[in-house]
Amino acid sequence: MSSDPTGRPRILFVDHSAEPGGGQLGLLRYLRGGHSTDNALVLLSGGPLASEMAATVESFAILGEKPFSFVRGPLLARRLAAEIRRIKPDLIVANSLYATVTMAFAARLTRIPRVYYSRVSMQTLRGLKRVLALGFFFRQFDAFLANSAFTESCIPPSLRSRPSAIAYPICGVDVESVEPRTAPALASREVRIVSLSRPDWWKGTDLLIEAVGLLPQMSPGRSFTLDIYGGTFFSDPVFVEKIHEMADASPVAIDFKGHQSDVNAILATADVLVLSTRFPEPFGQVVVQAMAHGVLVVVPDEGGPVEVVTDGVNGRTFASGQPDDLARVIAETVDDAAAASRMASEAVKVIDGFGDRHAIEALGHELRVLERALRR
């Protein structure tokens, strides 16, 4: 179906928005560098990244002016089907969970093979959303991409006979774009801990605040601060109020910084990055970003992050959901500066396996393989 003179398959990506989330930023990086496929893009709603995304493809459309919602998704199906007929792709890729909603309803209007690029931990799907996703939306897809081996394991058993592959996220790190620190890890008495996960219950922000509050007693030779980055637009306001109260009562200075677009600037002065999610994180791009900068990372002992972090080698892991164990691991890490420096030196090697150049090539390869498999 592709008219590309080089014979590259035409891939139509569908995303629910152009807000700067991890999936959307990764897609933008692929559109800029993924030249092994002929790419097109349809957004179900706009956002700050829309103009940059549009500049990377010849075929581009935004279907709705209002922010995307679970309820509005089906209403855009006919418009999406019309764009599919106009673009004539060889393969359509849903780049987000919300995109599967509209694509599932448009599936009945077109016969182009469909792939869902999943970044979802099934534990985070609750209630009606879970029932619809597992019982209807996902069933309208012919194949699956997953952003980690853990995420691939979350594909429902009834769908595992369909083709699937792993394509790790394009995290925004490469030799040319990252300058790892040269100073020894934890050279100063002051330890700056950062979280780059939006304040939310499933992200375990309260667990992190509780753990950090234990550190002055466990590591009295150090002075700690905690900076929490991430907007709260999609967070439960009751939970946000609770964690602010916890922060006010903590013996450690805790600052809520809101959304910040310049992650590199944050990591340039961070000592430790903590991922404290209650449920298994599908992957965790911020972990790769921090490691590439030589920042010490502490992550739960389950989910996608342990595909990147080996405890005691290039970072640390703790018992997921246990603030006492998280505090213990942080204290052990900061109290052994020599071991911390060794781990930081190993951490920067993450670029070798998870740098953008490799990830872009891998995603393009898997898309071509799936397109050929589904064409038969």
Protein backbone atom coordinates (compact mmCIF):
# COMPACT_ATOMS: atom_id res chain seq x y z
CA MET A 1 0.00 0.00 0.00
CA SER A 2 2.96 2.30 0.64
CA SER A 3 3.98 4.63 -2.20
CA ASP A 4 7.40 5.26 -0.66
CA PRO A 5 10.00 4.87 -3.46
CA THR A 6 12.42 3.03 -1.16
CA GLY A 7 9.80 0.44 -0.24
CA ARG A 8 9.66 1.45 3.41
CA PRO A 9 6.36 0.51 5.08
CA ARG A 10 4.10 3.45 5.82
CA ILE A 11 3.41 3.53 9.56
CA LEU A 12 0.55 5.64 10.90
CA PHE A 13 0.97 6.49 14.57
CA VAL A 14 -2.14 7.51 16.52
CA ASP A 15 -1.80 9.29 19.86
CA HIS A 16 -4.46 10.82 22.07
CA SER A 17 -2.55 14.08 22.62
CA ALA A 18 0.62 16.07 22.06
CA GLU A 19 1.17 16.75 25.74
CA PRO A 20 4.81 16.17 26.78
CA GLY A 21 4.34 12.75 28.39
CA GLY A 22 6.89 9.97 28.17
CA GLY A 23 5.15 8.18 25.31
CA GLN A 24 4.65 11.36 23.32
CA LEU A 25 8.25 12.53 23.78
CA GLY A 26 9.48 9.09 22.76
CA LEU A 27 7.29 9.20 19.66
CA LEU A 28 8.66 12.63 18.72
CA ARG A 29 12.20 11.28 19.01
CA TYR A 30 11.31 8.36 16.75
CA LEU A 31 9.63 10.60 14.17
CA ARG A 32 12.79 12.71 14.05
CA GLY A 33 15.18 9.80 13.68
CA GLY A 34 13.23 6.73 12.56
CA HIS A 35 14.01 6.83 8.86
CA SER A 36 13.60 3.10 8.26
CA THR A 37 9.82 3.60 8.10
CA ASP A 38 7.67 6.11 6.22
CA ASN A 39 5.86 7.77 9.13
CA ALA A 40 2.53 9.59 9.46
CA LEU A 41 0.76 10.89 12.56
CA VAL A 42 -2.80 11.52 13.68
CA LEU A 43 -3.45 13.18 17.04
CA LEU A 44 -6.86 12.86 18.66
CA SER A 45 -6.25 16.21 20.40
CA GLY A 46 -3.50 18.81 20.33
CA GLY A 47 -0.85 19.95 22.77
CA PRO A 48 2.52 21.69 23.12
CA LEU A 49 4.38 19.11 21.02
CA ALA A 50 1.98 19.26 18.05
CA SER A 51 3.96 21.67 15.87
CA GLU A 52 7.23 19.80 16.43
CA MET A 53 5.55 16.51 15.60
CA ALA A 54 3.92 17.93 12.47
CA ALA A 55 7.31 19.09 11.18
CA THR A 56 8.64 15.51 11.16
CA VAL A 57 6.01 13.91 8.88
CA GLU A 58 4.34 14.65 5.56
CA SER A 59 0.91 13.37 6.62
CA PHE A 60 -0.40 14.89 9.86
CA ALA A 61 -3.79 15.66 11.36
CA ILE A 62 -5.38 16.72 14.65
CA LEU A 63 -8.93 15.42 14.98
CA GLY A 64 -10.24 17.37 17.98
CA GLU A 65 -9.69 20.73 19.60
CA LYS A 66 -10.89 19.72 23.07
CA PRO A 67 -8.70 17.64 25.41
CA PHE A 68 -9.17 13.92 24.83
CA SER A 69 -11.42 12.03 27.23
CA PHE A 70 -12.40 8.39 27.63
CA VAL A 71 -15.99 9.32 26.73
CA ARG A 72 -15.13 11.36 23.62
CA GLY A 73 -12.86 8.69 22.17
CA PRO A 74 -15.52 6.71 20.28
CA LEU A 75 -16.93 9.93 18.78
CA LEU A 76 -13.71 10.46 16.82
CA ALA A 77 -13.74 7.00 15.21
CA ARG A 78 -15.27 8.05 11.87
CA ARG A 79 -12.87 10.97 11.51
CA LEU A 80 -9.96 8.67 12.26
CA ALA A 81 -11.20 6.15 9.69
CA ALA A 82 -11.35 8.94 7.09
CA GLU A 83 -7.73 9.89 7.84
CA ILE A 84 -6.68 6.26 7.55
CA ARG A 85 -8.25 6.05 4.09
CA ARG A 86 -6.49 9.29 3.10
CA ILE A 87 -3.05 8.28 4.39
CA LYS A 88 -3.24 4.63 3.21
CA PRO A 89 -0.83 3.18 5.80
CA ASP A 90 0.55 -0.33 5.82
CA LEU A 91 0.33 -0.49 9.63
CA ILE A 92 -1.39 1.59 12.32
CA VAL A 93 0.15 1.96 15.79
CA ALA A 94 -1.76 3.13 18.86
CA ASN A 95 0.88 5.02 20.85
CA SER A 96 -1.16 5.32 24.06
CA LEU A 97 -3.86 3.54 26.02
CA TYR A 98 -6.37 6.29 25.21
CA ALA A 99 -5.59 5.96 21.50
CA THR A 100 -6.79 2.34 21.68
CA VAL A 101 -10.28 3.63 22.49
CA THR A 102 -10.78 5.48 19.22
CA MET A 103 -8.84 2.91 17.20
CA ALA A 104 -10.98 0.08 18.55
CA PHE A 105 -14.14 1.71 17.21
CA ALA A 106 -12.45 2.72 13.94
CA ALA A 107 -11.30 -0.88 13.45
CA ARG A 108 -14.72 -1.82 12.11
CA LEU A 109 -14.41 0.89 9.45
CA THR A 110 -10.96 -0.07 8.10
CA ARG A 111 -9.04 -3.31 7.58
CA ILE A 112 -5.48 -2.07 8.06
CA PRO A 113 -3.42 -4.15 10.56
CA ARG A 114 -3.28 -2.54 14.01
CA VAL A 115 -0.61 -2.65 16.72
CA TYR A 116 -0.88 -1.38 20.29
CA TYR A 117 2.39 -0.06 21.74
CA SER A 118 1.71 -0.74 25.41
CA ARG A 119 3.25 1.12 28.33
CA VAL A 120 0.64 -0.08 30.82
CA SER A 121 0.95 -2.04 34.04
CA MET A 122 -2.33 -3.93 34.31
CA GLN A 123 -2.48 -3.28 38.06
CA THR A 124 -3.18 0.39 37.32
CA LEU A 125 -6.27 -0.41 35.24
CA ARG A 126 -9.30 -0.40 37.53
CA GLY A 127 -13.07 -0.69 37.28
CA LEU A 128 -14.85 -0.01 33.99
CA LYS A 129 -11.63 1.08 32.28
CA ARG A 130 -10.09 -2.34 32.98
CA VAL A 131 -13.18 -4.23 31.82
CA LEU A 132 -13.36 -2.30 28.54
CA ALA A 133 -9.61 -2.42 27.88
CA LEU A 134 -9.25 -6.17 28.42
CA GLY A 135 -12.64 -7.17 27.08
CA PHE A 136 -12.93 -4.95 24.00
CA PHE A 137 -10.23 -2.38 23.17
CA PHE A 138 -7.18 -4.67 23.21
CA ARG A 139 -9.03 -7.37 21.28
CA GLN A 140 -9.28 -5.07 18.25
CA PHE A 141 -5.49 -5.18 17.75
CA ASP A 142 -3.63 -7.68 15.62
CA ALA A 143 -0.29 -7.44 17.44
CA PHE A 144 1.40 -5.77 20.39
CA LEU A 145 4.58 -3.87 21.13
CA ALA A 146 5.63 -3.55 24.77
CA ASN A 147 8.05 -1.09 26.35
CA SER A 148 9.65 -3.82 28.51
CA ALA A 149 9.61 -7.55 29.11
CA PHE A 150 7.47 -6.87 32.17
CA THR A 151 4.89 -4.99 30.08
CA GLU A 152 4.86 -7.79 27.52
CA SER A 153 4.08 -10.21 30.37
CA CYS A 154 0.98 -8.12 31.14
CA ILE A 155 -0.64 -8.88 27.78
CA PRO A 156 -3.84 -10.80 28.65
CA PRO A 157 -3.44 -14.59 28.28
CA SER A 158 -6.28 -14.71 25.76
CA LEU A 159 -4.27 -12.44 23.41
CA ARG A 160 -0.80 -13.94 23.76
CA SER A 161 -1.16 -16.00 20.60
CA ARG A 162 -0.99 -12.74 18.64
CA PRO A 163 2.44 -11.43 17.57
CA SER A 164 4.26 -9.31 20.15
CA ALA A 165 7.69 -7.75 20.54
CA ILE A 166 9.63 -5.57 22.98
CA ALA A 167 10.72 -2.07 21.96
CA TYR A 168 12.31 -0.21 24.85
CA PRO A 169 11.42 3.50 25.10
CA ILE A 170 13.40 6.22 23.37
CA CYS A 171 14.42 8.07 26.51
CA GLY A 172 16.24 11.12 25.16
CA VAL A 173 19.77 10.02 26.04
CA ASP A 174 22.79 9.51 23.83
CA VAL A 175 26.51 10.14 23.94
CA GLU A 176 26.07 13.46 22.13
CA SER A 177 23.22 14.75 24.32
CA VAL A 178 24.33 13.78 27.84
CA GLU A 179 27.36 14.88 29.83
CA PRO A 180 27.82 12.57 32.83
CA ARG A 181 29.24 14.23 35.91
CA THR A 182 32.94 13.81 36.57
CA ALA A 183 32.94 14.63 40.31
CA PRO A 184 32.84 11.65 42.71
CA ALA A 185 29.34 10.63 43.77
CA LEU A 186 28.20 12.06 47.12
CA ALA A 187 31.33 14.18 47.52
CA SER A 188 29.36 16.68 49.62
CA ARG A 189 27.68 16.15 53.00
CA GLU A 190 24.44 17.45 51.51
CA VAL A 191 22.42 14.85 49.59
CA ARG A 192 19.82 16.05 47.09
CA ILE A 193 17.18 13.39 46.40
CA VAL A 194 14.80 13.92 43.48
CA SER A 195 11.61 12.33 42.21
CA LEU A 196 10.58 12.90 38.59
CA SER A 197 7.25 11.08 38.92
CA ARG A 198 4.11 13.18 39.18
CA PRO A 199 2.68 13.22 42.71
CA ASP A 200 0.12 10.42 42.76
CA TRP A 201 -0.97 7.52 44.95
CA TRP A 202 0.14 4.79 42.53
CA LYS A 203 3.46 6.59 42.04
CA GLY A 204 4.05 6.13 45.79
CA THR A 205 4.84 9.76 46.57
CA ASP A 206 3.67 9.28 50.15
CA LEU A 207 5.95 6.24 50.54
CA LEU A 208 8.93 8.30 49.40
CA ILE A 209 8.14 11.15 51.79
CA GLU A 210 7.78 8.67 54.66
CA ALA A 211 11.09 6.99 53.78
CA VAL A 212 13.01 10.25 53.46
CA GLY A 213 11.73 11.33 56.87
CA LEU A 214 13.59 8.37 58.42
CA LEU A 215 16.96 9.28 56.91
CA PRO A 216 18.24 11.85 59.46
CA GLN A 217 18.20 9.15 62.15
CA MET A 218 19.61 6.43 59.92
CA SER A 219 22.38 8.54 58.40
CA PRO A 220 23.13 11.36 60.86
CA GLY A 221 26.33 12.33 59.05
CA ARG A 222 24.37 13.58 56.05
CA SER A 223 21.96 16.42 55.35
CA PHE A 224 19.04 15.57 53.05
CA THR A 225 16.62 17.44 50.81
CA LEU A 226 13.86 16.04 48.59
CA ASP A 227 12.61 17.78 45.45
CA ILE A 228 9.46 16.35 43.87
CA TYR A 229 8.88 17.26 40.23
CA GLY A 230 5.71 16.72 38.23
CA GLY A 231 2.37 18.42 37.72
CA THR A 232 -0.71 17.47 39.71
CA PHE A 233 -3.35 18.15 37.03
CA PHE A 234 -4.29 14.45 36.83
CA SER A 235 -3.72 13.69 40.52
CA ASP A 236 -6.32 13.18 43.25
CA PRO A 237 -6.54 16.54 45.09
CA VAL A 238 -7.21 14.78 48.40
CA PHE A 239 -3.99 12.79 48.00
CA VAL A 240 -2.06 15.92 47.00
CA GLU A 241 -3.26 17.68 50.15
CA LYS A 242 -2.21 14.66 52.23
CA ILE A 243 1.35 14.56 50.89
CA HIS A 244 1.76 18.31 51.38
CA GLU A 245 0.81 17.80 55.02
CA MET A 246 3.30 14.95 55.28
CA ALA A 247 6.00 17.14 53.76
CA ASP A 248 5.29 19.97 56.20
CA ALA A 249 5.70 17.55 59.13
CA SER A 250 8.88 15.91 57.81
CA PRO A 251 12.28 16.54 59.42
CA VAL A 252 13.68 16.79 55.87
CA ALA A 253 13.17 19.84 53.66
CA ILE A 254 10.75 18.75 50.91
CA ASP A 255 9.86 20.97 47.97
CA PHE A 256 7.17 20.40 45.33
CA LYS A 257 8.56 21.86 42.13
CA GLY A 258 5.71 21.19 39.69
CA HIS A 259 6.28 20.29 36.05
CA GLN A 260 9.71 21.08 34.66
CA SER A 261 10.60 20.49 31.02
CA ASP A 262 14.39 20.63 31.41
CA VAL A 263 15.15 17.23 32.93
CA ASN A 264 18.85 17.54 32.16
CA ALA A 265 19.16 20.63 34.37
CA ILE A 266 17.48 18.80 37.26
CA LEU A 267 19.70 15.75 36.96
CA ALA A 268 22.85 17.85 36.66
CA THR A 269 22.60 18.71 40.37
CA ALA A 270 20.82 15.60 41.74
CA ASP A 271 22.61 13.00 43.85
CA VAL A 272 19.93 10.30 44.07
CA LEU A 273 16.83 9.65 41.98
CA VAL A 274 14.13 7.51 43.59
CA LEU A 275 11.33 5.69 41.81
CA SER A 276 8.80 4.75 44.49
CA THR A 277 5.81 3.37 42.56
CA ARG A 278 3.31 1.23 44.49
CA PHE A 279 2.68 -1.02 41.50
CA PRO A 280 5.30 -2.29 39.05
CA GLU A 281 6.45 0.51 36.75
CA PRO A 282 6.20 -0.62 33.11
CA PHE A 283 9.65 0.82 32.37
CA GLY A 284 10.58 4.22 33.83
CA GLN A 285 12.35 6.49 31.35
CA VAL A 286 13.54 8.73 34.17
CA VAL A 287 15.66 5.86 35.47
CA VAL A 288 17.63 5.65 32.22
CA GLN A 289 17.91 9.44 32.06
CA ALA A 290 19.28 9.64 35.60
CA MET A 291 21.74 6.79 35.08
CA ALA A 292 23.07 8.39 31.91
CA HIS A 293 23.89 11.49 33.96
CA GLY A 294 25.70 9.46 36.60
CA VAL A 295 22.96 9.97 39.19
CA LEU A 296 22.48 7.14 41.69
CA VAL A 297 19.12 5.44 41.19
CA VAL A 298 17.00 3.58 43.73
CA VAL A 299 14.08 1.64 42.24
CA PRO A 300 11.53 -1.00 43.33
CA ASP A 301 12.54 -4.65 42.96
CA GLU A 302 9.87 -5.42 40.35
CA GLY A 303 8.65 -4.24 36.98
CA GLY A 304 10.53 -2.73 34.07
CA PRO A 305 13.23 -0.87 36.05
CA VAL A 306 14.93 -4.11 37.11
CA GLU A 307 15.55 -4.81 33.43
CA VAL A 308 17.92 -1.83 33.58
CA VAL A 309 19.13 -1.71 37.20
CA THR A 310 21.19 -4.49 38.77
CA ASP A 311 21.25 -4.07 42.55
CA GLY A 312 24.66 -3.04 43.82
CA VAL A 313 26.16 -2.84 40.33
CA ASN A 314 24.66 0.21 38.58
CA GLY A 315 22.03 1.22 41.13
CA ARG A 316 19.99 -0.08 44.06
CA THR A 317 16.66 -1.82 44.50
CA PHE A 318 14.33 -1.96 47.50
CA ALA A 319 11.33 -4.04 48.52
CA SER A 320 8.48 -2.52 46.53
CA GLY A 321 5.94 -0.61 48.60
CA GLN A 322 8.06 -0.71 51.78
CA PRO A 323 9.17 2.77 52.96
CA ASP A 324 11.34 1.30 55.75
CA ASP A 325 13.33 -0.72 53.25
CA LEU A 326 13.54 2.25 50.88
CA ALA A 327 15.02 4.35 53.69
CA ARG A 328 17.48 1.57 54.55
CA VAL A 329 18.71 1.30 50.97
CA ILE A 330 19.13 5.06 50.55
CA ALA A 331 21.04 5.29 53.84
CA GLU A 332 23.33 2.39 52.89
CA THR A 333 23.98 3.98 49.52
CA VAL A 334 24.88 7.45 50.75
CA ASP A 335 27.02 6.12 53.62
CA ASP A 336 29.36 4.25 51.26
CA ALA A 337 30.71 6.90 48.91
CA ALA A 338 33.22 4.53 47.29
CA ALA A 339 30.52 2.02 46.35
CA ALA A 340 28.28 4.87 45.21
CA SER A 341 30.99 6.14 42.86
CA ARG A 342 31.48 2.66 41.41
CA MET A 343 27.75 2.32 40.78
CA ALA A 344 27.58 5.77 39.18
CA SER A 345 30.45 4.85 36.85
CA GLU A 346 28.60 1.70 35.81
CA ALA A 347 25.29 3.54 35.49
CA VAL A 348 26.46 5.81 32.67
CA LYS A 349 27.01 2.72 30.51
CA VAL A 350 23.22 2.51 30.22
CA ILE A 351 23.58 4.48 26.99
CA ASP A 352 25.17 1.43 25.37
CA GLY A 353 21.97 -0.59 25.60
CA PHE A 354 19.25 2.03 26.04
CA GLY A 355 20.55 5.10 24.18
CA ASP A 356 18.32 6.77 21.59
CA ARG A 357 20.22 5.59 18.54
CA HIS A 358 19.87 1.96 19.54
CA ALA A 359 16.23 2.36 20.65
CA ILE A 360 15.20 4.10 17.42
CA GLU A 361 16.78 1.38 15.31
CA ALA A 362 15.16 -1.33 17.43
CA LEU A 363 11.67 0.20 17.21
CA GLY A 364 11.97 0.61 13.45
CA HIS A 365 13.10 -3.00 13.12
CA GLU A 366 10.20 -4.37 15.18
CA LEU A 367 7.68 -2.28 13.23
CA ARG A 368 8.99 -3.64 9.93
CA VAL A 369 8.92 -7.21 11.25
CA LEU A 370 5.32 -6.85 12.48
CA GLU A 371 4.22 -5.20 9.24
CA ARG A 372 5.60 -8.10 7.21
CA ALA A 373 4.07 -10.69 9.56
CA LEU A 374 0.62 -9.10 9.48
CA ARG A 375 0.70 -8.57 5.71
CA ARG A 376 0.62 -12.33 5.09
